[in-house]
Amino acid sequence: MTTQEKLLNLVHNEVIPDVEDYLDELFELVASKKSDDETKEEIKYMQEMRKEFQDLIDDIEAGEIDEEEAQEIIDEIIDMKSLKE
């Protein structure tokens, strides 16, 4: 498996589902009227992040990400996930 394929799997199977789960939680806050302006800003930020990851998938599938760049992105994602936990 190439580094690009590993990155694609990571984004498809972990990152985007995590972002979508968090967005669902934020939308539940809005629906229950327990949200504030910060929640709405967080929704906007997470939607932008989801779009960036979807664009990344497009770039990987188009062959625009090389091995080195793919590994750097994987490392960044792992760092982000470890900070979250």
Protein backbone atom coordinates (compact mmCIF):
# COMPACT_ATOMS: atom_id res chain seq x y z
CA MET A 1 0.00 0.00 0.00
CA THR A 2 1.41 3.39 -0.96
CA THR A 3 1.58 6.31 1.41
CA GLN A 4 -1.07 8.05 -0.66
CA GLU A 5 -3.39 5.05 -0.22
CA LYS A 6 -2.75 5.08 3.53
CA LEU A 7 -3.61 8.77 3.63
CA LEU A 8 -6.74 8.21 1.57
CA ASN A 9 -7.87 5.43 3.93
CA LEU A 10 -7.13 7.56 6.99
CA VAL A 11 -9.13 10.50 5.66
CA HIS A 12 -12.03 8.36 4.37
CA ASN A 13 -12.31 6.02 7.34
CA GLU A 14 -11.37 8.18 10.32
CA VAL A 15 -11.04 11.89 9.72
CA ILE A 16 -14.19 12.66 7.75
CA PRO A 17 -16.41 10.44 9.96
CA ASP A 18 -14.96 12.17 13.06
CA VAL A 19 -15.65 15.61 11.57
CA GLU A 20 -19.19 14.60 10.59
CA ASP A 21 -19.88 13.15 14.05
CA TYR A 22 -18.74 16.38 15.67
CA LEU A 23 -20.85 18.42 13.25
CA ASP A 24 -23.86 16.29 14.20
CA GLU A 25 -23.22 17.08 17.88
CA LEU A 26 -23.00 20.79 17.11
CA PHE A 27 -26.22 20.73 15.08
CA GLU A 28 -27.95 18.94 17.96
CA LEU A 29 -26.93 21.83 20.22
CA VAL A 30 -28.42 24.29 17.74
CA ALA A 31 -31.63 22.25 17.45
CA SER A 32 -31.99 22.09 21.23
CA LYS A 33 -31.49 25.85 21.44
CA LYS A 34 -28.40 25.36 23.64
CA SER A 35 -26.02 26.94 21.17
CA ASP A 36 -24.35 30.31 21.10
CA ASP A 37 -22.33 32.29 18.58
CA GLU A 38 -19.26 30.20 19.40
CA THR A 39 -21.14 27.03 18.43
CA LYS A 40 -22.16 28.58 15.12
CA GLU A 41 -18.56 29.61 14.42
CA GLU A 42 -17.41 26.09 15.27
CA ILE A 43 -19.93 24.68 12.78
CA LYS A 44 -18.62 26.98 10.08
CA TYR A 45 -15.02 26.01 10.90
CA MET A 46 -15.78 22.27 10.87
CA GLN A 47 -17.66 22.54 7.57
CA GLU A 48 -14.63 24.26 6.06
CA MET A 49 -12.37 21.55 7.47
CA ARG A 50 -14.58 18.83 5.97
CA LYS A 51 -14.39 20.59 2.59
CA GLU A 52 -10.58 20.79 2.84
CA PHE A 53 -10.36 17.05 3.52
CA GLN A 54 -12.70 16.32 0.63
CA ASP A 55 -10.47 18.48 -1.60
CA LEU A 56 -7.49 16.51 -0.30
CA ILE A 57 -9.18 13.29 -1.38
CA ASP A 58 -9.67 14.76 -4.85
CA ASP A 59 -5.98 15.75 -4.97
CA ILE A 60 -4.86 12.26 -3.91
CA GLU A 61 -7.10 10.59 -6.47
CA ALA A 62 -5.78 12.95 -9.17
CA GLY A 63 -2.21 11.98 -8.27
CA GLU A 64 -1.31 15.48 -7.11
CA ILE A 65 0.10 14.39 -3.73
CA ASP A 66 3.52 12.74 -3.68
CA GLU A 67 4.79 10.20 -1.12
CA GLU A 68 6.61 12.78 1.01
CA GLU A 69 3.68 15.18 1.16
CA ALA A 70 1.29 12.32 1.94
CA GLN A 71 3.48 11.24 4.87
CA GLU A 72 3.66 14.81 6.19
CA ILE A 73 -0.13 15.06 6.11
CA ILE A 74 -0.49 11.67 7.84
CA ASP A 75 1.89 12.85 10.57
CA GLU A 76 -0.10 16.09 11.02
CA ILE A 77 -3.37 14.17 11.28
CA ILE A 78 -1.89 11.80 13.86
CA ASP A 79 -0.62 14.79 15.88
CA MET A 80 -4.07 16.43 15.72
CA LYS A 81 -5.79 13.24 16.84
CA SER A 82 -3.36 12.76 19.74
CA LEU A 83 -3.99 16.32 20.94
CA LYS A 84 -7.73 15.70 20.87
CA GLU A 85 -7.50 12.63 23.09
